[in-house]
Amino acid sequence: MNIKIAILFISTLWSVVVSHNALASDHNLRRFIGLWQAVDPVDGSLSTISINKLSNDTVHLLYNDTYFYLCNGGRGLGVGNGTRSGRNAIEFSGITYTCEDKKIPPVNIPASFTLDASGALIEVDEDPNRTQTIFYKTSR
């Protein structure tokens, strides 16, 4: 009888721990969900990112920019799915950027974003000399 009680106690405790971790995981991902905007420090264009949740660890990103270097200065749209990478980061193995005028073929580029202490979303750039683009959340 004591073994059955011990097994019941352990299984109950395990389900509480697992559900608490799932809620904590969801809460961390929720901080990324919303509409974000930035002024590109290199060219002064308006960059907008929309991040939506697909599953517990997957997000969908739409990236719109009024001046894409890849599009010879034209408008462009980026689309990709990413996953959380640690507590304060999301990572995309590839965001597919398409130029509005369709003159240049789509380009797939990996990207990652981190949340800083103030809650701003920073686009991580592999070039340490490039000024980082800092996005601010414009929705709740």
N, C-alpha and C. Protein backbone atom coordinates (compact mmCIF):
# COMPACT_ATOMS: atom_id res chain seq x y z
N MET A 1 0.81 -1.19 0.00
CA MET A 1 0.00 0.00 0.00
C MET A 1 0.87 1.26 0.00
N ASN A 2 1.99 1.26 0.76
CA ASN A 2 2.86 2.42 0.81
C ASN A 2 3.52 2.69 -0.53
N ILE A 3 3.81 1.65 -1.29
CA ILE A 3 4.43 1.83 -2.61
C ILE A 3 3.44 2.51 -3.55
N LYS A 4 2.16 2.14 -3.48
CA LYS A 4 1.16 2.78 -4.33
C LYS A 4 1.04 4.27 -3.98
N ILE A 5 1.08 4.60 -2.73
CA ILE A 5 1.01 6.01 -2.31
C ILE A 5 2.24 6.76 -2.78
N ALA A 6 3.41 6.13 -2.66
CA ALA A 6 4.65 6.77 -3.11
C ALA A 6 4.61 6.99 -4.62
N ILE A 7 4.15 6.02 -5.38
CA ILE A 7 4.05 6.15 -6.84
C ILE A 7 3.06 7.26 -7.20
N LEU A 8 1.93 7.29 -6.52
CA LEU A 8 0.93 8.34 -6.77
C LEU A 8 1.52 9.72 -6.45
N PHE A 9 2.23 9.83 -5.35
CA PHE A 9 2.84 11.10 -4.95
C PHE A 9 3.88 11.55 -5.99
N ILE A 10 4.73 10.63 -6.41
CA ILE A 10 5.78 10.96 -7.38
C ILE A 10 5.16 11.34 -8.72
N SER A 11 4.15 10.59 -9.17
CA SER A 11 3.53 10.92 -10.46
C SER A 11 2.80 12.26 -10.40
N THR A 12 2.16 12.57 -9.27
CA THR A 12 1.49 13.86 -9.11
C THR A 12 2.52 14.98 -9.10
N LEU A 13 3.59 14.80 -8.36
CA LEU A 13 4.65 15.81 -8.30
C LEU A 13 5.26 16.02 -9.68
N TRP A 14 5.49 14.94 -10.42
CA TRP A 14 6.07 15.03 -11.76
C TRP A 14 5.15 15.82 -12.69
N SER A 15 3.83 15.56 -12.64
CA SER A 15 2.91 16.29 -13.52
C SER A 15 2.86 17.77 -13.18
N VAL A 16 2.99 18.12 -11.91
CA VAL A 16 3.02 19.53 -11.51
C VAL A 16 4.28 20.20 -12.03
N VAL A 17 5.43 19.53 -11.91
CA VAL A 17 6.70 20.10 -12.39
C VAL A 17 6.67 20.27 -13.90
N VAL A 18 6.19 19.26 -14.63
CA VAL A 18 6.14 19.33 -16.09
C VAL A 18 5.20 20.45 -16.54
N SER A 19 4.01 20.56 -15.93
CA SER A 19 3.07 21.61 -16.34
C SER A 19 3.61 22.99 -15.99
N HIS A 20 4.31 23.12 -14.87
CA HIS A 20 4.91 24.41 -14.49
C HIS A 20 5.98 24.82 -15.49
N ASN A 21 6.81 23.86 -15.91
CA ASN A 21 7.84 24.16 -16.91
C ASN A 21 7.22 24.54 -18.24
N ALA A 22 6.12 23.89 -18.63
CA ALA A 22 5.46 24.22 -19.88
C ALA A 22 4.90 25.64 -19.82
N LEU A 23 4.31 26.03 -18.69
CA LEU A 23 3.79 27.38 -18.53
C LEU A 23 4.92 28.40 -18.56
N ALA A 24 6.02 28.09 -17.91
CA ALA A 24 7.16 29.01 -17.91
C ALA A 24 7.71 29.15 -19.32
N SER A 25 7.76 28.03 -20.06
CA SER A 25 8.24 28.06 -21.43
C SER A 25 7.33 28.93 -22.28
N ASP A 26 6.01 28.76 -22.14
CA ASP A 26 5.06 29.55 -22.90
C ASP A 26 5.18 31.03 -22.55
N HIS A 27 5.35 31.34 -21.28
CA HIS A 27 5.48 32.73 -20.84
C HIS A 27 6.71 33.38 -21.47
N ASN A 28 7.82 32.67 -21.51
CA ASN A 28 9.04 33.23 -22.09
C ASN A 28 8.86 33.51 -23.58
N LEU A 29 8.18 32.64 -24.29
CA LEU A 29 7.97 32.82 -25.71
C LEU A 29 6.98 33.96 -25.96
N ARG A 30 6.00 34.11 -25.08
CA ARG A 30 4.99 35.15 -25.22
C ARG A 30 5.59 36.55 -25.26
N ARG A 31 6.74 36.73 -24.65
CA ARG A 31 7.38 38.05 -24.63
C ARG A 31 7.79 38.50 -26.03
N PHE A 32 7.95 37.56 -26.96
CA PHE A 32 8.35 37.89 -28.33
C PHE A 32 7.15 38.19 -29.23
N ILE A 33 5.96 37.72 -28.85
CA ILE A 33 4.78 37.82 -29.70
C ILE A 33 4.30 39.27 -29.77
N GLY A 34 4.06 39.75 -30.99
CA GLY A 34 3.53 41.09 -31.16
C GLY A 34 4.11 41.79 -32.38
N LEU A 35 3.84 43.07 -32.44
CA LEU A 35 4.33 43.91 -33.53
C LEU A 35 5.48 44.77 -33.01
N TRP A 36 6.58 44.76 -33.76
CA TRP A 36 7.79 45.48 -33.37
C TRP A 36 8.20 46.42 -34.51
N GLN A 37 8.73 47.60 -34.16
CA GLN A 37 9.19 48.52 -35.18
C GLN A 37 10.56 49.09 -34.82
N ALA A 38 11.31 49.43 -35.87
CA ALA A 38 12.64 50.01 -35.70
C ALA A 38 12.94 50.92 -36.87
N VAL A 39 13.84 51.84 -36.63
CA VAL A 39 14.42 52.62 -37.71
C VAL A 39 15.79 52.02 -37.97
N ASP A 40 16.01 51.56 -39.20
CA ASP A 40 17.28 50.94 -39.55
C ASP A 40 18.38 51.98 -39.39
N PRO A 41 19.37 51.72 -38.53
CA PRO A 41 20.41 52.71 -38.28
C PRO A 41 21.34 52.95 -39.48
N VAL A 42 21.32 52.06 -40.45
CA VAL A 42 22.20 52.21 -41.61
C VAL A 42 21.58 53.09 -42.69
N ASP A 43 20.29 52.83 -43.01
CA ASP A 43 19.68 53.56 -44.13
C ASP A 43 18.48 54.42 -43.74
N GLY A 44 18.05 54.37 -42.48
CA GLY A 44 16.94 55.19 -42.02
C GLY A 44 15.56 54.68 -42.40
N SER A 45 15.47 53.48 -42.94
CA SER A 45 14.17 52.94 -43.35
C SER A 45 13.39 52.45 -42.13
N LEU A 46 12.09 52.27 -42.32
CA LEU A 46 11.23 51.75 -41.27
C LEU A 46 11.14 50.24 -41.41
N SER A 47 11.52 49.54 -40.36
CA SER A 47 11.45 48.09 -40.33
C SER A 47 10.36 47.68 -39.35
N THR A 48 9.50 46.77 -39.79
CA THR A 48 8.42 46.27 -38.95
C THR A 48 8.49 44.75 -38.91
N ILE A 49 8.37 44.20 -37.71
CA ILE A 49 8.36 42.75 -37.54
C ILE A 49 7.08 42.36 -36.82
N SER A 50 6.41 41.36 -37.35
CA SER A 50 5.26 40.77 -36.69
C SER A 50 5.64 39.34 -36.30
N ILE A 51 5.50 39.01 -35.02
CA ILE A 51 5.84 37.66 -34.54
C ILE A 51 4.59 37.04 -33.93
N ASN A 52 4.23 35.87 -34.44
CA ASN A 52 3.07 35.12 -33.95
C ASN A 52 3.51 33.75 -33.49
N LYS A 53 2.81 33.20 -32.54
CA LYS A 53 3.12 31.89 -32.00
C LYS A 53 2.48 30.80 -32.86
N LEU A 54 3.26 29.79 -33.23
CA LEU A 54 2.74 28.63 -33.95
C LEU A 54 2.53 27.45 -33.01
N SER A 55 3.47 27.24 -32.09
CA SER A 55 3.39 26.16 -31.12
C SER A 55 4.16 26.60 -29.88
N ASN A 56 4.34 25.71 -28.91
CA ASN A 56 5.02 26.08 -27.68
C ASN A 56 6.42 26.64 -27.90
N ASP A 57 7.13 26.15 -28.90
CA ASP A 57 8.50 26.61 -29.11
C ASP A 57 8.74 27.18 -30.50
N THR A 58 7.70 27.40 -31.28
CA THR A 58 7.87 27.88 -32.65
C THR A 58 7.09 29.17 -32.87
N VAL A 59 7.75 30.12 -33.55
CA VAL A 59 7.10 31.38 -33.89
C VAL A 59 7.18 31.60 -35.40
N HIS A 60 6.27 32.42 -35.89
CA HIS A 60 6.24 32.80 -37.30
C HIS A 60 6.55 34.29 -37.37
N LEU A 61 7.42 34.68 -38.29
CA LEU A 61 7.85 36.07 -38.40
C LEU A 61 7.54 36.61 -39.79
N LEU A 62 7.01 37.83 -39.82
CA LEU A 62 6.89 38.62 -41.05
C LEU A 62 7.75 39.85 -40.85
N TYR A 63 8.64 40.12 -41.77
CA TYR A 63 9.59 41.23 -41.67
C TYR A 63 9.37 42.14 -42.88
N ASN A 64 8.95 43.37 -42.63
CA ASN A 64 8.68 44.31 -43.71
C ASN A 64 9.63 45.48 -43.57
N ASP A 65 10.21 45.92 -44.67
CA ASP A 65 11.13 47.05 -44.63
C ASP A 65 10.85 47.96 -45.81
N THR A 66 10.94 49.26 -45.58
CA THR A 66 10.67 50.22 -46.65
C THR A 66 11.86 50.40 -47.58
N TYR A 67 13.04 49.91 -47.17
CA TYR A 67 14.24 50.01 -48.01
C TYR A 67 15.11 48.79 -47.73
N PHE A 68 15.04 47.81 -48.61
CA PHE A 68 15.87 46.62 -48.46
C PHE A 68 17.11 46.77 -49.34
N TYR A 69 18.26 46.62 -48.75
CA TYR A 69 19.51 46.64 -49.51
C TYR A 69 19.48 45.54 -50.57
N LEU A 70 18.95 44.35 -50.17
CA LEU A 70 18.87 43.21 -51.09
C LEU A 70 18.00 43.51 -52.30
N CYS A 71 17.08 44.46 -52.17
CA CYS A 71 16.13 44.78 -53.25
C CYS A 71 16.53 46.07 -53.97
N ASN A 72 17.81 46.39 -53.93
CA ASN A 72 18.32 47.62 -54.55
C ASN A 72 17.55 48.86 -54.08
N GLY A 73 17.21 48.86 -52.80
CA GLY A 73 16.53 50.00 -52.22
C GLY A 73 15.02 49.93 -52.27
N GLY A 74 14.48 48.89 -52.86
CA GLY A 74 13.03 48.75 -52.91
C GLY A 74 12.48 48.12 -51.64
N ARG A 75 11.17 48.02 -51.60
CA ARG A 75 10.51 47.38 -50.46
C ARG A 75 10.71 45.87 -50.53
N GLY A 76 10.67 45.24 -49.35
CA GLY A 76 10.81 43.80 -49.31
C GLY A 76 10.05 43.21 -48.14
N LEU A 77 9.84 41.92 -48.21
CA LEU A 77 9.15 41.20 -47.16
C LEU A 77 9.92 39.94 -46.83
N GLY A 78 10.12 39.70 -45.53
CA GLY A 78 10.76 38.48 -45.07
C GLY A 78 9.77 37.61 -44.34
N VAL A 79 9.84 36.30 -44.55
CA VAL A 79 8.94 35.35 -43.92
C VAL A 79 9.76 34.17 -43.42
N GLY A 80 9.51 33.74 -42.17
CA GLY A 80 10.22 32.57 -41.66
C GLY A 80 9.66 32.07 -40.35
N ASN A 81 9.99 30.84 -40.02
CA ASN A 81 9.62 30.24 -38.75
C ASN A 81 10.87 30.05 -37.91
N GLY A 82 10.75 30.32 -36.63
CA GLY A 82 11.89 30.22 -35.74
C GLY A 82 11.54 29.54 -34.44
N THR A 83 12.57 29.29 -33.65
CA THR A 83 12.38 28.66 -32.35
C THR A 83 13.12 29.46 -31.28
N ARG A 84 12.71 29.24 -30.07
CA ARG A 84 13.39 29.90 -28.96
C ARG A 84 14.79 29.34 -28.84
N SER A 85 15.71 30.22 -28.53
CA SER A 85 17.11 29.82 -28.36
C SER A 85 17.58 30.40 -27.03
N GLY A 86 17.33 29.67 -25.98
CA GLY A 86 17.63 30.19 -24.65
C GLY A 86 16.47 31.03 -24.15
N ARG A 87 16.63 31.62 -23.00
CA ARG A 87 15.54 32.36 -22.35
C ARG A 87 15.18 33.64 -23.10
N ASN A 88 16.15 34.35 -23.63
CA ASN A 88 15.90 35.67 -24.21
C ASN A 88 16.21 35.77 -25.69
N ALA A 89 16.12 34.68 -26.42
CA ALA A 89 16.47 34.74 -27.84
C ALA A 89 15.57 33.83 -28.67
N ILE A 90 15.38 34.24 -29.92
CA ILE A 90 14.73 33.38 -30.90
C ILE A 90 15.64 33.32 -32.12
N GLU A 91 15.63 32.18 -32.77
CA GLU A 91 16.56 31.93 -33.86
C GLU A 91 15.79 31.39 -35.07
N PHE A 92 16.16 31.87 -36.24
CA PHE A 92 15.55 31.47 -37.49
C PHE A 92 16.63 30.87 -38.38
N SER A 93 16.45 29.62 -38.78
CA SER A 93 17.45 28.99 -39.64
C SER A 93 17.45 29.66 -41.01
N GLY A 94 16.33 30.26 -41.35
CA GLY A 94 16.26 31.00 -42.60
C GLY A 94 15.00 31.85 -42.68
N ILE A 95 15.18 33.11 -43.02
CA ILE A 95 14.06 33.99 -43.33
C ILE A 95 14.16 34.23 -44.84
N THR A 96 13.08 33.98 -45.55
CA THR A 96 13.06 34.17 -46.99
C THR A 96 12.62 35.60 -47.29
N TYR A 97 13.55 36.37 -47.88
CA TYR A 97 13.28 37.76 -48.23
C TYR A 97 12.92 37.83 -49.71
N THR A 98 11.79 38.49 -49.99
CA THR A 98 11.30 38.66 -51.35
C THR A 98 11.13 40.14 -51.64
N CYS A 99 11.63 40.58 -52.77
CA CYS A 99 11.49 41.99 -53.17
C CYS A 99 10.10 42.22 -53.74
N GLU A 100 9.55 43.38 -53.41
CA GLU A 100 8.21 43.71 -53.85
C GLU A 100 8.09 43.70 -55.37
N ASP A 101 9.11 44.17 -56.07
CA ASP A 101 9.04 44.24 -57.53
C ASP A 101 9.36 42.90 -58.21
N LYS A 102 9.77 41.91 -57.45
CA LYS A 102 10.05 40.54 -57.95
C LYS A 102 11.16 40.48 -58.99
N LYS A 103 11.95 41.54 -59.13
CA LYS A 103 13.04 41.55 -60.11
C LYS A 103 14.24 40.74 -59.64
N ILE A 104 14.37 40.57 -58.33
CA ILE A 104 15.48 39.82 -57.75
C ILE A 104 14.90 38.56 -57.11
N PRO A 105 15.52 37.40 -57.33
CA PRO A 105 14.99 36.17 -56.75
C PRO A 105 15.02 36.21 -55.22
N PRO A 106 14.09 35.50 -54.56
CA PRO A 106 14.08 35.46 -53.10
C PRO A 106 15.41 34.95 -52.54
N VAL A 107 15.76 35.47 -51.36
CA VAL A 107 17.01 35.10 -50.69
C VAL A 107 16.67 34.58 -49.30
N ASN A 108 17.30 33.48 -48.91
CA ASN A 108 17.06 32.89 -47.59
C ASN A 108 18.26 33.18 -46.70
N ILE A 109 18.04 33.89 -45.58
CA ILE A 109 19.12 34.30 -44.70
C ILE A 109 18.78 33.93 -43.26
N PRO A 110 19.69 33.28 -42.54
CA PRO A 110 19.44 32.99 -41.12
C PRO A 110 19.44 34.29 -40.31
N ALA A 111 18.72 34.29 -39.20
CA ALA A 111 18.66 35.47 -38.35
C ALA A 111 18.36 35.06 -36.92
N SER A 112 18.70 35.93 -35.99
CA SER A 112 18.33 35.72 -34.59
C SER A 112 18.09 37.07 -33.93
N PHE A 113 17.28 37.03 -32.89
CA PHE A 113 16.90 38.22 -32.15
C PHE A 113 17.00 37.92 -30.67
N THR A 114 17.42 38.92 -29.89
CA THR A 114 17.48 38.77 -28.45
C THR A 114 16.71 39.91 -27.78
N LEU A 115 16.16 39.61 -26.62
CA LEU A 115 15.52 40.63 -25.81
C LEU A 115 16.55 41.18 -24.84
N ASP A 116 16.67 42.51 -24.76
CA ASP A 116 17.59 43.07 -23.77
C ASP A 116 16.85 43.33 -22.47
N ALA A 117 17.53 43.85 -21.48
CA ALA A 117 16.96 44.05 -20.15
C ALA A 117 15.76 45.00 -20.17
N SER A 118 15.72 45.93 -21.13
CA SER A 118 14.61 46.89 -21.18
C SER A 118 13.40 46.33 -21.93
N GLY A 119 13.54 45.15 -22.55
CA GLY A 119 12.45 44.56 -23.31
C GLY A 119 12.51 44.84 -24.79
N ALA A 120 13.55 45.54 -25.25
CA ALA A 120 13.72 45.80 -26.67
C ALA A 120 14.22 44.54 -27.36
N LEU A 121 13.86 44.38 -28.63
CA LEU A 121 14.25 43.23 -29.43
C LEU A 121 15.40 43.65 -30.33
N ILE A 122 16.53 42.99 -30.19
CA ILE A 122 17.73 43.38 -30.93
C ILE A 122 18.03 42.33 -31.98
N GLU A 123 18.16 42.79 -33.23
CA GLU A 123 18.54 41.89 -34.31
C GLU A 123 20.03 41.63 -34.22
N VAL A 124 20.40 40.37 -34.07
CA VAL A 124 21.80 39.99 -33.92
C VAL A 124 22.43 39.96 -35.31
N ASP A 125 23.54 40.64 -35.44
CA ASP A 125 24.24 40.70 -36.72
C ASP A 125 25.59 40.02 -36.56
N GLU A 126 25.98 39.25 -37.56
CA GLU A 126 27.27 38.56 -37.50
C GLU A 126 28.44 39.51 -37.64
N ASP A 127 28.19 40.69 -38.19
CA ASP A 127 29.24 41.69 -38.34
C ASP A 127 29.26 42.57 -37.09
N PRO A 128 30.27 42.42 -36.23
CA PRO A 128 30.31 43.19 -34.98
C PRO A 128 30.48 44.69 -35.19
N ASN A 129 30.90 45.11 -36.38
CA ASN A 129 31.09 46.53 -36.66
C ASN A 129 29.81 47.23 -37.11
N ARG A 130 28.80 46.45 -37.47
CA ARG A 130 27.53 47.03 -37.94
C ARG A 130 26.70 47.45 -36.74
N THR A 131 26.06 48.61 -36.84
CA THR A 131 25.18 49.09 -35.78
C THR A 131 23.96 48.18 -35.72
N GLN A 132 23.61 47.75 -34.51
CA GLN A 132 22.49 46.84 -34.34
C GLN A 132 21.15 47.55 -34.55
N THR A 133 20.20 46.83 -35.14
CA THR A 133 18.84 47.34 -35.27
C THR A 133 18.09 46.96 -34.00
N ILE A 134 17.50 47.95 -33.36
CA ILE A 134 16.78 47.73 -32.10
C ILE A 134 15.30 47.98 -32.34
N PHE A 135 14.50 46.94 -32.13
CA PHE A 135 13.06 47.01 -32.33
C PHE A 135 12.37 47.26 -30.99
N TYR A 136 11.30 48.06 -31.06
CA TYR A 136 10.50 48.34 -29.87
C TYR A 136 9.10 47.83 -30.14
N LYS A 137 8.51 47.21 -29.12
CA LYS A 137 7.20 46.60 -29.26
C LYS A 137 6.15 47.71 -29.32
N THR A 138 5.27 47.61 -30.32
CA THR A 138 4.22 48.61 -30.50
C THR A 138 2.84 48.03 -30.20
N SER A 139 2.79 46.77 -29.79
CA SER A 139 1.52 46.12 -29.42
C SER A 139 1.70 45.42 -28.08
N ARG A 140 0.61 45.02 -27.50
CA ARG A 140 0.69 44.30 -26.22
C ARG A 140 0.72 42.83 -26.43
